[in-house]
N, C-alpha and C. Protein backbone atom coordinates (compact mmCIF):
# COMPACT_ATOMS: atom_id res chain seq x y z
N MET A 1 -23.52 -8.15 -12.41
CA MET A 1 -23.17 -6.90 -11.99
C MET A 1 -22.19 -5.82 -12.92
N PRO A 2 -23.08 -4.43 -13.34
CA PRO A 2 -22.76 -3.48 -13.55
C PRO A 2 -21.05 -3.57 -13.71
N GLU A 3 -20.37 -3.14 -14.87
CA GLU A 3 -18.81 -2.84 -15.24
C GLU A 3 -18.14 -2.23 -14.09
N THR A 4 -19.12 -0.82 -13.70
CA THR A 4 -18.74 0.00 -12.94
C THR A 4 -18.66 -0.36 -11.65
N ASP A 5 -19.20 -0.78 -10.85
CA ASP A 5 -19.74 -1.42 -9.36
C ASP A 5 -18.11 -1.65 -8.83
N VAL A 6 -18.44 -1.16 -7.77
CA VAL A 6 -17.10 -1.24 -6.93
C VAL A 6 -16.93 -2.40 -5.65
N LYS A 7 -16.07 -3.14 -5.80
CA LYS A 7 -16.11 -4.22 -4.67
C LYS A 7 -14.93 -3.98 -3.63
N ASN A 8 -13.84 -2.98 -4.02
CA ASN A 8 -12.53 -3.17 -3.29
C ASN A 8 -12.52 -1.29 -2.95
N VAL A 9 -11.96 -1.01 -1.70
CA VAL A 9 -11.69 0.30 -1.66
C VAL A 9 -10.27 0.27 -1.52
N VAL A 10 -9.79 1.43 -1.98
CA VAL A 10 -7.95 1.63 -1.74
C VAL A 10 -8.32 3.04 -0.96
N PHE A 11 -7.47 3.13 0.29
CA PHE A 11 -7.10 4.58 0.62
C PHE A 11 -5.55 4.87 0.95
N ASP A 12 -5.74 6.13 0.63
CA ASP A 12 -4.43 6.85 0.38
C ASP A 12 -4.58 7.38 2.11
N LEU A 13 -2.69 7.24 2.84
CA LEU A 13 -2.89 8.04 4.25
C LEU A 13 -2.70 9.09 4.59
N GLY A 14 -2.06 9.59 4.29
CA GLY A 14 -1.77 11.32 4.67
C GLY A 14 -2.38 11.77 4.09
N GLY A 15 -3.40 12.90 4.68
CA GLY A 15 -4.06 13.73 4.18
C GLY A 15 -5.78 12.92 3.80
N VAL A 16 -6.09 12.11 4.26
CA VAL A 16 -7.13 10.89 4.23
C VAL A 16 -7.73 10.64 5.41
N VAL A 17 -6.12 9.17 5.80
CA VAL A 17 -6.76 8.51 7.31
C VAL A 17 -6.24 9.51 8.14
N LEU A 18 -4.87 9.64 7.71
CA LEU A 18 -4.41 10.59 9.07
C LEU A 18 -4.04 11.96 8.41
N HIS A 19 -4.06 12.52 9.47
CA HIS A 19 -3.74 14.26 9.22
C HIS A 19 -2.49 14.42 8.79
N TRP A 20 -2.29 15.26 8.10
CA TRP A 20 -0.92 15.71 7.27
C TRP A 20 -0.97 16.99 7.00
N SER A 21 0.15 18.19 7.64
CA SER A 21 0.13 19.35 8.11
C SER A 21 1.57 19.39 7.93
N PRO A 22 2.20 19.78 6.84
CA PRO A 22 3.75 20.62 6.92
C PRO A 22 3.84 21.82 8.04
N THR A 23 2.58 22.64 7.68
CA THR A 23 2.65 23.97 8.06
C THR A 23 2.50 24.02 9.75
N GLU A 24 1.62 22.97 10.03
CA GLU A 24 1.45 22.33 11.20
C GLU A 24 2.84 22.37 12.15
N ILE A 25 3.52 21.72 11.17
CA ILE A 25 4.86 20.59 11.93
C ILE A 25 5.66 21.77 11.98
N LEU A 26 5.84 22.71 11.13
CA LEU A 26 6.83 23.60 11.28
C LEU A 26 6.74 24.52 12.13
N HIS A 27 5.50 25.16 12.42
CA HIS A 27 5.24 26.13 13.58
C HIS A 27 5.65 25.16 14.26
N ASN A 28 5.23 24.15 15.29
CA ASN A 28 5.72 23.13 16.41
C ASN A 28 6.86 22.66 16.64
N THR A 29 7.66 23.14 15.64
CA THR A 29 9.10 22.92 15.45
C THR A 29 10.37 23.98 15.66
N PHE A 30 9.84 24.95 14.67
CA PHE A 30 10.83 26.36 14.53
C PHE A 30 9.97 27.41 15.28
N ALA A 31 10.72 28.60 15.98
CA ALA A 31 10.29 29.77 16.30
C ALA A 31 10.16 30.58 15.73
N ASP A 32 10.69 30.72 15.01
CA ASP A 32 10.79 31.86 13.60
C ASP A 32 10.09 31.58 12.00
N GLU A 33 9.98 32.62 11.56
CA GLU A 33 9.20 32.34 10.25
C GLU A 33 9.83 32.29 9.66
N ALA A 34 11.38 32.80 9.45
CA ALA A 34 12.42 32.86 8.73
C ALA A 34 12.91 31.61 8.57
N THR A 35 12.91 30.81 9.60
CA THR A 35 13.25 29.47 9.65
C THR A 35 12.57 28.67 9.00
N ARG A 36 11.28 28.76 9.45
CA ARG A 36 10.27 27.56 8.73
C ARG A 36 10.46 27.76 7.41
N ALA A 37 10.48 28.93 6.74
CA ALA A 37 10.19 29.41 5.19
C ALA A 37 11.40 28.15 4.55
N THR A 38 13.02 28.63 5.51
CA THR A 38 13.87 27.52 4.98
C THR A 38 13.76 25.86 4.73
N VAL A 39 12.96 25.60 5.92
CA VAL A 39 12.92 24.54 6.01
C VAL A 39 12.00 23.66 5.40
N LYS A 40 11.01 24.53 4.44
CA LYS A 40 9.85 23.76 4.03
C LYS A 40 10.79 23.81 2.84
N ARG A 41 11.76 24.94 2.25
CA ARG A 41 12.15 24.99 0.90
C ARG A 41 12.92 23.94 0.99
N GLU A 42 13.72 23.87 1.76
CA GLU A 42 15.17 22.88 1.34
C GLU A 42 15.04 21.45 2.59
N VAL A 43 13.49 21.36 2.44
CA VAL A 43 13.64 19.81 3.28
C VAL A 43 11.78 19.24 2.37
N PHE A 44 10.68 20.19 3.09
CA PHE A 44 9.98 19.58 2.26
C PHE A 44 9.14 19.59 0.88
N GLN A 45 9.55 20.74 0.36
CA GLN A 45 9.42 21.22 -1.19
C GLN A 45 10.88 20.52 -1.75
N HIS A 46 12.04 20.00 -1.21
CA HIS A 46 13.19 19.47 -2.06
C HIS A 46 12.89 17.85 -2.45
N PRO A 47 13.43 18.05 -3.73
CA PRO A 47 13.34 16.25 -4.23
C PRO A 47 13.46 15.22 -3.56
N ASP A 48 14.62 15.32 -2.75
CA ASP A 48 15.19 14.71 -1.50
C ASP A 48 14.17 14.00 -0.75
N TRP A 49 13.06 15.04 -0.38
CA TRP A 49 11.92 14.79 0.11
C TRP A 49 11.03 13.43 -0.98
N GLN A 50 10.68 13.67 -2.03
CA GLN A 50 10.27 12.46 -3.00
C GLN A 50 11.47 11.13 -2.28
N ASP A 51 12.64 11.07 -2.51
CA ASP A 51 13.74 10.15 -2.74
C ASP A 51 13.12 9.66 -1.12
N MET A 52 12.99 10.21 -0.43
CA MET A 52 12.77 9.67 1.13
C MET A 52 11.51 8.62 1.01
N ASP A 53 10.25 9.10 0.18
CA ASP A 53 9.20 8.48 -0.04
C ASP A 53 9.46 7.48 -0.67
N ARG A 54 10.50 7.06 -1.69
CA ARG A 54 10.51 6.13 -2.40
C ARG A 54 11.15 5.13 -2.19
N GLY A 55 12.07 5.61 -0.96
CA GLY A 55 13.12 4.71 -0.47
C GLY A 55 14.13 4.54 -0.67
N THR A 56 14.95 5.74 -2.10
CA THR A 56 15.80 5.77 -2.32
C THR A 56 17.00 6.60 -1.31
N LEU A 57 16.36 7.01 -0.69
CA LEU A 57 17.11 7.71 0.41
C LEU A 57 16.74 7.41 1.71
N LEU A 58 17.67 7.06 2.67
CA LEU A 58 17.34 7.02 3.66
C LEU A 58 17.53 7.73 4.61
N GLU A 59 16.96 7.89 6.07
CA GLU A 59 16.54 8.67 7.29
C GLU A 59 18.02 9.14 7.32
N PRO A 60 18.82 8.42 7.52
CA PRO A 60 20.61 9.06 8.03
C PRO A 60 21.03 9.59 7.27
N GLU A 61 21.07 9.54 5.67
CA GLU A 61 21.61 10.44 4.94
C GLU A 61 20.55 11.85 4.56
N ALA A 62 19.94 11.25 4.71
CA ALA A 62 18.22 12.79 4.83
C ALA A 62 19.03 13.69 5.38
N VAL A 63 19.02 13.21 6.89
CA VAL A 63 18.57 14.36 8.13
C VAL A 63 20.35 15.32 7.37
N GLN A 64 21.34 14.47 7.04
CA GLN A 64 22.65 14.92 7.01
C GLN A 64 22.79 15.88 5.94
N ARG A 65 22.03 15.62 4.82
CA ARG A 65 21.67 16.61 3.39
C ARG A 65 20.97 17.75 4.01
N PHE A 66 19.69 17.51 4.87
CA PHE A 66 18.48 18.65 5.07
C PHE A 66 19.19 19.37 6.13
N GLY A 67 20.53 19.24 6.95
CA GLY A 67 21.23 19.94 8.09
C GLY A 67 22.36 21.02 6.60
N GLN A 68 22.59 19.98 6.01
CA GLN A 68 24.09 21.03 5.21
C GLN A 68 23.15 22.54 4.38
N ARG A 69 21.71 21.74 4.03
CA ARG A 69 20.99 22.92 3.27
C ARG A 69 20.71 23.67 4.36
N THR A 70 20.27 24.10 5.48
CA THR A 70 19.15 24.30 6.07
C THR A 70 20.41 25.25 6.79
N GLY A 71 21.59 24.62 7.15
CA GLY A 71 22.48 25.56 8.62
C GLY A 71 22.21 24.74 10.02
N HIS A 72 21.23 23.86 9.78
CA HIS A 72 20.98 23.19 11.17
C HIS A 72 21.50 21.70 11.33
N SER A 73 21.68 21.91 13.01
CA SER A 73 22.30 20.45 13.27
C SER A 73 21.63 19.07 13.03
N VAL A 74 22.02 17.80 12.87
CA VAL A 74 21.57 16.52 12.38
C VAL A 74 20.16 16.66 13.78
N GLU A 75 20.74 16.59 14.70
CA GLU A 75 19.61 16.46 15.52
C GLU A 75 18.66 17.28 15.44
N THR A 76 18.47 18.63 14.93
CA THR A 76 17.62 19.57 14.79
C THR A 76 16.76 19.16 13.47
N MET A 77 17.42 17.70 12.95
CA MET A 77 16.78 17.80 11.34
C MET A 77 16.21 16.20 11.78
N THR A 78 16.68 15.77 12.88
CA THR A 78 16.31 14.12 13.34
C THR A 78 15.20 14.34 14.15
N ASN A 79 15.21 15.27 15.16
CA ASN A 79 13.58 15.90 15.61
C ASN A 79 12.98 15.97 14.76
N LEU A 80 13.14 16.84 13.59
CA LEU A 80 12.16 17.37 12.89
C LEU A 80 10.96 16.03 12.18
N LEU A 81 11.67 15.02 11.54
CA LEU A 81 11.74 13.99 11.01
C LEU A 81 10.47 13.04 12.42
N GLU A 82 11.03 13.34 13.48
CA GLU A 82 10.12 12.68 14.76
C GLU A 82 8.70 13.45 14.72
N ASN A 83 8.74 14.89 14.52
CA ASN A 83 7.92 15.51 14.49
C ASN A 83 6.43 15.13 13.56
N VAL A 84 7.32 14.70 12.44
CA VAL A 84 6.47 14.64 11.39
C VAL A 84 5.88 13.27 11.59
N LYS A 85 6.52 12.40 11.97
CA LYS A 85 5.92 10.72 12.62
C LYS A 85 4.80 10.86 13.70
N ALA A 86 5.26 12.36 14.32
CA ALA A 86 4.05 12.57 15.68
C ALA A 86 3.24 12.86 15.17
N SER A 87 2.87 13.58 14.48
CA SER A 87 2.33 14.33 13.06
C SER A 87 0.94 13.68 12.69
N LEU A 88 1.30 12.48 12.31
CA LEU A 88 0.05 11.81 11.53
C LEU A 88 -1.10 10.83 12.29
N LEU A 89 -1.39 11.58 12.91
CA LEU A 89 -3.00 11.29 14.08
C LEU A 89 -3.92 10.94 12.85
N PRO A 90 -4.71 9.86 13.51
CA PRO A 90 -5.55 9.38 13.00
C PRO A 90 -6.97 10.49 12.37
N ILE A 91 -7.64 10.52 11.57
CA ILE A 91 -8.95 11.68 10.88
C ILE A 91 -10.09 10.43 12.05
N ALA A 92 -10.84 11.10 12.84
CA ALA A 92 -11.47 10.33 13.26
C ALA A 92 -13.00 9.91 12.40
N GLU A 93 -13.48 10.82 11.44
CA GLU A 93 -14.51 10.44 10.74
C GLU A 93 -13.89 9.61 9.07
N THR A 94 -13.05 9.83 9.15
CA THR A 94 -12.58 8.81 8.26
C THR A 94 -11.76 7.52 8.91
N GLN A 95 -11.83 7.41 9.87
CA GLN A 95 -11.62 5.94 11.03
C GLN A 95 -13.01 5.41 10.83
N LYS A 96 -13.55 6.24 11.03
CA LYS A 96 -15.31 5.46 11.04
C LYS A 96 -15.89 5.06 9.87
N ILE A 97 -15.64 5.56 8.47
CA ILE A 97 -15.77 5.53 7.68
C ILE A 97 -15.11 3.68 7.13
N ILE A 98 -13.93 3.66 7.59
CA ILE A 98 -13.18 2.23 7.69
C ILE A 98 -13.59 1.54 8.17
N GLN A 99 -13.80 1.80 9.93
CA GLN A 99 -14.86 0.83 10.20
C GLN A 99 -15.70 0.31 9.80
N GLU A 100 -16.12 1.23 9.29
CA GLU A 100 -17.94 0.85 8.83
C GLU A 100 -17.69 -0.12 7.56
N LEU A 101 -17.01 -0.26 6.86
CA LEU A 101 -17.02 -0.79 5.66
C LEU A 101 -16.28 -1.96 5.90
N ALA A 102 -15.31 -2.15 6.46
CA ALA A 102 -14.94 -3.18 7.45
C ALA A 102 -15.65 -3.94 7.67
N ALA A 103 -16.78 -3.56 8.64
CA ALA A 103 -17.60 -4.48 9.52
C ALA A 103 -18.66 -5.16 8.36
N HIS A 104 -18.79 -4.79 7.08
CA HIS A 104 -19.32 -5.00 6.23
C HIS A 104 -18.87 -5.66 5.20
N ASP A 105 -17.69 -6.30 5.52
CA ASP A 105 -16.75 -7.03 4.62
C ASP A 105 -16.48 -6.36 2.94
N VAL A 106 -16.41 -5.60 3.22
CA VAL A 106 -16.30 -4.98 1.83
C VAL A 106 -14.56 -4.92 2.00
N PRO A 107 -13.51 -5.19 0.92
CA PRO A 107 -12.30 -5.34 1.08
C PRO A 107 -11.65 -3.92 0.54
N LEU A 108 -10.86 -3.56 1.76
CA LEU A 108 -9.82 -2.83 1.91
C LEU A 108 -8.52 -2.80 1.93
N TYR A 109 -7.37 -1.70 1.34
CA TYR A 109 -7.08 -1.57 0.74
C TYR A 109 -6.23 -0.15 1.29
N CYS A 110 -5.04 -0.36 1.49
CA CYS A 110 -3.93 1.01 1.45
C CYS A 110 -2.93 1.00 0.79
N LEU A 111 -2.56 2.24 0.05
CA LEU A 111 -1.90 2.92 -1.14
C LEU A 111 -1.04 4.03 -0.85
N SER A 112 0.04 4.03 -0.36
CA SER A 112 0.64 5.69 0.28
C SER A 112 2.59 5.70 -0.19
N ASN A 113 2.19 7.04 -0.30
CA ASN A 113 3.70 7.52 -0.52
C ASN A 113 4.42 7.94 0.78
N MET A 114 5.34 7.49 1.28
CA MET A 114 5.84 7.46 2.58
C MET A 114 6.99 6.76 3.18
N PRO A 115 7.98 6.97 3.52
CA PRO A 115 9.39 6.70 3.56
C PRO A 115 8.70 4.90 4.70
N ALA A 116 9.66 3.97 4.44
CA ALA A 116 9.58 2.82 5.26
C ALA A 116 9.23 2.88 6.90
N THR A 117 9.97 3.63 7.01
CA THR A 117 10.14 3.78 8.59
C THR A 117 8.58 4.88 9.19
N THR A 118 8.70 5.75 8.40
CA THR A 118 7.26 6.28 8.76
C THR A 118 6.59 5.19 9.15
N ALA A 119 6.30 4.17 8.06
CA ALA A 119 4.71 3.35 8.27
C ALA A 119 5.17 2.56 8.83
N ASP A 120 6.14 1.62 9.67
CA ASP A 120 6.73 1.31 10.80
C ASP A 120 6.38 2.19 11.98
N HIS A 121 6.54 3.16 12.36
CA HIS A 121 6.08 3.68 12.93
C HIS A 121 4.36 3.94 13.67
N LEU A 122 3.60 4.19 12.07
CA LEU A 122 2.35 3.75 11.94
C LEU A 122 1.96 2.62 12.88
N ARG A 123 2.49 1.59 12.04
CA ARG A 123 1.67 0.18 12.25
C ARG A 123 1.90 -0.09 13.78
N GLU A 124 3.04 0.60 14.40
CA GLU A 124 3.05 0.04 15.78
C GLU A 124 2.21 0.85 16.94
N ARG A 125 1.46 1.85 16.18
CA ARG A 125 0.87 2.73 16.99
C ARG A 125 -0.52 2.60 17.09
N HIS A 126 -1.08 2.48 15.35
CA HIS A 126 -2.63 2.58 14.84
C HIS A 126 -3.18 1.25 14.46
N THR A 127 -3.89 0.45 15.39
CA THR A 127 -4.53 -0.45 14.91
C THR A 127 -5.31 -0.88 13.61
N PHE A 128 -5.87 0.39 13.20
CA PHE A 128 -6.44 0.69 11.86
C PHE A 128 -5.95 -0.43 10.46
N PHE A 129 -4.83 -0.83 10.81
CA PHE A 129 -3.81 -1.11 9.72
C PHE A 129 -4.46 -2.37 9.81
N LYS A 130 -4.81 -3.34 11.05
CA LYS A 130 -5.08 -4.16 11.01
C LYS A 130 -6.61 -4.82 10.13
N LEU A 131 -7.46 -3.85 9.86
CA LEU A 131 -8.46 -3.77 9.03
C LEU A 131 -8.14 -3.72 7.79
N PHE A 132 -7.19 -3.70 6.71
CA PHE A 132 -7.01 -3.46 5.71
C PHE A 132 -6.34 -5.10 5.15
N ARG A 133 -6.85 -5.13 4.23
CA ARG A 133 -6.34 -6.39 3.59
C ARG A 133 -4.76 -6.79 3.14
N GLY A 134 -4.41 -5.78 2.70
CA GLY A 134 -3.05 -5.21 1.96
C GLY A 134 -2.58 -3.66 2.36
N VAL A 135 -1.56 -3.95 2.62
CA VAL A 135 -0.74 -2.47 2.18
C VAL A 135 0.35 -2.05 1.48
N VAL A 136 0.14 -1.05 0.69
CA VAL A 136 1.39 -1.14 -0.14
C VAL A 136 1.97 0.54 0.25
N ILE A 137 3.32 0.63 0.58
CA ILE A 137 4.14 1.47 0.87
C ILE A 137 4.71 1.96 0.13
N SER A 138 4.95 3.31 -0.71
CA SER A 138 5.83 3.11 -1.32
C SER A 138 7.91 3.17 -1.11
N GLY A 139 7.73 3.10 0.18
CA GLY A 139 9.54 3.71 0.20
C GLY A 139 9.91 1.92 0.81
N GLU A 140 8.68 0.89 0.35
CA GLU A 140 9.20 -0.60 0.91
C GLU A 140 9.32 -1.27 -0.36
N ILE A 141 8.58 -0.42 -1.75
CA ILE A 141 8.54 -0.80 -2.50
C ILE A 141 9.54 -0.23 -3.59
N GLN A 142 10.20 0.98 -3.24
CA GLN A 142 10.86 2.05 -4.04
C GLN A 142 9.99 2.40 -5.55
N LEU A 143 8.50 2.22 -5.31
CA LEU A 143 8.08 2.99 -6.63
C LEU A 143 7.00 3.83 -5.55
N MET A 144 6.15 4.40 -6.72
CA MET A 144 5.98 5.96 -5.99
C MET A 144 4.71 6.11 -6.77
N LYS A 145 3.24 6.71 -6.26
CA LYS A 145 2.03 7.38 -6.71
C LYS A 145 2.97 8.79 -7.37
N PRO A 146 2.05 8.95 -8.59
CA PRO A 146 1.41 8.72 -9.18
C PRO A 146 1.75 7.63 -10.69
N ASP A 147 3.08 7.26 -10.81
CA ASP A 147 3.82 6.52 -11.67
C ASP A 147 2.63 5.00 -11.46
N HIS A 148 2.70 4.50 -12.86
CA HIS A 148 1.89 3.59 -13.70
C HIS A 148 2.24 2.25 -12.83
N ALA A 149 3.47 2.45 -12.84
CA ALA A 149 3.89 1.15 -12.10
C ALA A 149 3.61 0.53 -10.59
N ILE A 150 3.44 1.67 -9.93
CA ILE A 150 2.59 1.36 -8.50
C ILE A 150 1.41 1.18 -8.42
N PHE A 151 0.56 1.48 -9.53
CA PHE A 151 -0.84 1.15 -9.39
C PHE A 151 -1.16 -0.51 -10.17
N GLU A 152 0.08 -0.70 -10.74
CA GLU A 152 -0.07 -2.14 -11.47
C GLU A 152 0.72 -3.27 -10.40
N HIS A 153 1.61 -2.68 -9.47
CA HIS A 153 1.67 -3.21 -8.44
C HIS A 153 0.69 -3.81 -7.56
N LEU A 154 -0.46 -2.64 -7.18
CA LEU A 154 -1.52 -2.76 -6.36
C LEU A 154 -2.47 -4.20 -7.08
N VAL A 155 -2.36 -3.36 -8.33
CA VAL A 155 -3.60 -4.77 -8.33
C VAL A 155 -3.44 -6.28 -8.56
N ARG A 156 -2.01 -5.95 -8.73
CA ARG A 156 -1.12 -7.67 -9.02
C ARG A 156 -1.34 -8.11 -8.00
N ARG A 157 -0.41 -8.08 -7.40
CA ARG A 157 -0.07 -8.37 -5.80
C ARG A 157 -1.45 -8.55 -4.78
N PHE A 158 -2.65 -8.13 -5.06
CA PHE A 158 -3.85 -8.28 -4.14
C PHE A 158 -5.08 -8.48 -5.30
N GLY A 159 -4.51 -9.24 -6.57
CA GLY A 159 -5.68 -9.51 -7.46
C GLY A 159 -6.80 -8.77 -7.67
N LEU A 160 -6.98 -7.70 -7.83
CA LEU A 160 -7.79 -6.55 -7.67
C LEU A 160 -8.36 -6.61 -9.52
N ALA A 161 -9.02 -6.30 -9.72
CA ALA A 161 -10.11 -5.72 -10.79
C ALA A 161 -9.99 -4.33 -11.03
N PRO A 162 -9.17 -3.33 -12.02
CA PRO A 162 -9.23 -1.94 -11.44
C PRO A 162 -10.55 -1.66 -11.78
N LYS A 163 -11.75 -2.15 -12.57
CA LYS A 163 -13.01 -1.34 -12.60
C LYS A 163 -13.90 -1.42 -11.65
N HIS A 164 -13.45 -2.43 -10.65
CA HIS A 164 -14.06 -2.60 -9.50
C HIS A 164 -13.11 -2.21 -8.53
N THR A 165 -12.29 -1.18 -8.89
CA THR A 165 -11.84 -0.95 -7.44
C THR A 165 -11.60 0.51 -6.85
N LEU A 166 -12.07 1.15 -5.95
CA LEU A 166 -12.14 2.91 -5.81
C LEU A 166 -11.06 3.26 -5.11
N PHE A 167 -10.14 3.79 -5.70
CA PHE A 167 -9.31 4.94 -4.52
C PHE A 167 -9.40 6.14 -4.66
N ILE A 168 -9.04 6.32 -3.37
CA ILE A 168 -9.58 7.69 -2.40
C ILE A 168 -7.85 8.18 -2.08
N ASP A 169 -7.74 9.79 -2.54
CA ASP A 169 -6.57 10.37 -2.51
C ASP A 169 -6.79 11.43 -2.30
N ASP A 170 -5.82 12.51 -1.53
CA ASP A 170 -6.49 13.84 -1.92
C ASP A 170 -5.68 14.19 -2.57
N HIS A 171 -4.61 13.90 -3.35
CA HIS A 171 -3.49 14.82 -4.19
C HIS A 171 -4.19 14.64 -5.33
N LEU A 172 -4.12 15.23 -6.31
CA LEU A 172 -5.17 15.59 -7.43
C LEU A 172 -3.84 14.48 -7.99
N PRO A 173 -3.02 14.95 -8.49
CA PRO A 173 -2.01 14.26 -9.69
C PRO A 173 -1.82 12.45 -9.37
N ASN A 174 -2.27 12.22 -8.01
CA ASN A 174 -2.07 10.85 -7.42
C ASN A 174 -3.66 10.36 -8.23
N ILE A 175 -4.68 11.12 -8.12
CA ILE A 175 -6.24 10.92 -8.80
C ILE A 175 -5.89 10.63 -10.23
N GLU A 176 -5.57 11.63 -11.30
CA GLU A 176 -5.32 11.48 -12.19
C GLU A 176 -4.72 10.27 -12.23
N GLY A 177 -2.99 9.81 -12.12
CA GLY A 177 -2.29 8.89 -12.42
C GLY A 177 -3.27 7.39 -12.31
N ALA A 178 -3.82 7.36 -11.05
CA ALA A 178 -4.85 6.01 -10.72
C ALA A 178 -6.09 5.97 -11.90
N ALA A 179 -6.35 7.29 -12.38
CA ALA A 179 -8.06 7.29 -13.05
C ALA A 179 -6.94 6.71 -14.57
N LYS A 180 -6.43 7.16 -14.98
CA LYS A 180 -5.48 6.85 -16.22
C LYS A 180 -5.66 4.84 -16.70
N PHE A 181 -4.64 4.48 -15.08
CA PHE A 181 -4.62 3.64 -15.07
C PHE A 181 -5.62 2.67 -15.00
N GLY A 182 -6.37 3.36 -14.71
CA GLY A 182 -8.41 2.32 -15.19
C GLY A 182 -8.80 2.30 -13.78
N LEU A 183 -8.36 2.81 -12.84
CA LEU A 183 -8.94 2.56 -11.43
C LEU A 183 -10.34 3.52 -11.34
N GLN A 184 -11.34 3.32 -10.19
CA GLN A 184 -12.00 3.66 -9.92
C GLN A 184 -11.95 5.08 -9.10
N THR A 185 -12.05 6.44 -8.82
CA THR A 185 -11.47 7.16 -8.05
C THR A 185 -12.60 8.35 -7.27
N HIS A 186 -11.77 8.69 -5.97
CA HIS A 186 -12.55 9.61 -5.82
C HIS A 186 -11.41 10.45 -5.22
N HIS A 187 -11.84 12.05 -5.08
CA HIS A 187 -10.72 12.94 -5.03
C HIS A 187 -11.30 13.75 -3.36
N PHE A 188 -10.56 12.97 -2.56
CA PHE A 188 -10.87 13.45 -0.98
C PHE A 188 -10.90 15.02 -1.00
N THR A 189 -11.67 15.58 -0.11
CA THR A 189 -11.34 17.08 0.35
C THR A 189 -12.08 16.84 1.63
N ASP A 190 -12.89 16.39 1.96
CA ASP A 190 -13.48 16.11 3.59
C ASP A 190 -14.30 14.82 3.51
N PRO A 191 -14.19 13.69 4.90
CA PRO A 191 -14.70 12.97 5.30
C PRO A 191 -16.37 12.79 4.66
N GLY A 192 -16.75 13.72 5.08
CA GLY A 192 -18.39 14.30 4.80
C GLY A 192 -19.05 13.61 2.94
N ARG A 193 -18.06 14.39 1.92
CA ARG A 193 -18.05 14.17 1.00
C ARG A 193 -17.52 12.55 0.23
N CYS A 194 -16.27 12.36 1.08
CA CYS A 194 -16.30 10.76 1.07
C CYS A 194 -17.50 9.83 0.99
N ARG A 195 -17.99 10.40 2.32
CA ARG A 195 -19.05 9.27 2.86
C ARG A 195 -20.26 9.23 2.10
N ALA A 196 -20.55 10.35 1.41
CA ALA A 196 -21.39 10.23 0.43
C ALA A 196 -20.93 10.02 -0.86
N ALA A 197 -19.84 10.26 -1.61
CA ALA A 197 -19.79 9.42 -2.68
C ALA A 197 -19.69 7.80 -2.55
N LEU A 198 -19.14 7.39 -1.51
CA LEU A 198 -19.46 5.68 -1.34
C LEU A 198 -20.77 5.19 -1.11
N ARG A 199 -21.53 6.18 -0.40
CA ARG A 199 -23.20 5.43 -0.13
C ARG A 199 -24.09 5.35 -1.73
N THR A 200 -23.56 6.65 -2.59
CA THR A 200 -24.39 7.07 -3.25
C THR A 200 -23.97 6.94 -4.75
N GLN A 201 -22.92 7.32 -5.11
CA GLN A 201 -22.16 7.30 -6.85
C GLN A 201 -21.34 5.26 -6.79
N PHE A 202 -20.84 4.99 -5.44
CA PHE A 202 -20.47 3.37 -5.57
C PHE A 202 -21.40 2.70 -5.13
N GLY A 203 -22.22 2.54 -4.75
CA GLY A 203 -23.60 1.90 -4.13
C GLY A 203 -22.85 1.14 -3.13
N PHE A 204 -23.18 1.68 -1.91
CA PHE A 204 -22.54 1.41 -0.72
C PHE A 204 -23.95 1.97 0.04
N GLY A 205 -24.76 1.95 -0.38
CA GLY A 205 -25.81 2.99 0.32
C GLY A 205 -26.47 1.96 1.32
N GLN A 206 -26.30 0.73 1.06
CA GLN A 206 -26.81 0.08 2.81
C GLN A 206 -25.59 -0.48 3.18
N VAL A 207 -24.67 0.20 3.02
CA VAL A 207 -23.30 -0.29 4.01
C VAL A 207 -22.57 0.90 5.28
N LEU A 208 -23.08 2.26 4.70
CA LEU A 208 -22.28 3.20 5.25
C LEU A 208 -23.67 4.66 5.87
N ALA A 209 -24.02 4.39 6.92
CA ALA A 209 -25.14 5.27 7.48
C ALA A 209 -25.33 6.24 7.03
N PRO A 210 -26.08 7.33 6.70
CA PRO A 210 -25.83 8.81 6.39
C PRO A 210 -24.97 9.87 7.45
């Protein structure tokens, strides 16, 4: 087997397996543009958001901080986070790719930056999690992409060889971090390109239908 042959595939969630659009969430939650801009800056673009993903800031404290910075009530900020969770709906084309790979016994894994509470919400609602042989959620282990440590955790926990493991993510810094660690990578931009990469560049031509 050539040293670059892929045996395992690791999927990111938001933007790859699940829809992720803060702009849509803001439009569906707040009526006026000024409020959307404030919430975007003080919630989605604030370092607290990354701390939530890392698991070092829990939702009860986060909504308090969001409310203080935006001038909105805790109830409004709690509703925002519920809307975030509800917006994370499966991307049908990617779901089909995952199902086809699983049907051919390709070992599948998941590596995602998100709070533990969001991951719990998703596990309760979506059966695709059962197709992953292992799942790593940043908020559950207090490690985050693109840090080296989370990729090290992934491969050690599941006994994966980086050179035989393909990591798929839509966020370029995560792809760059994974490549530096030694993983094979695919920068996800749409399901069609992902399918083509899996079929040709990584040797799954007999697994995925055109």
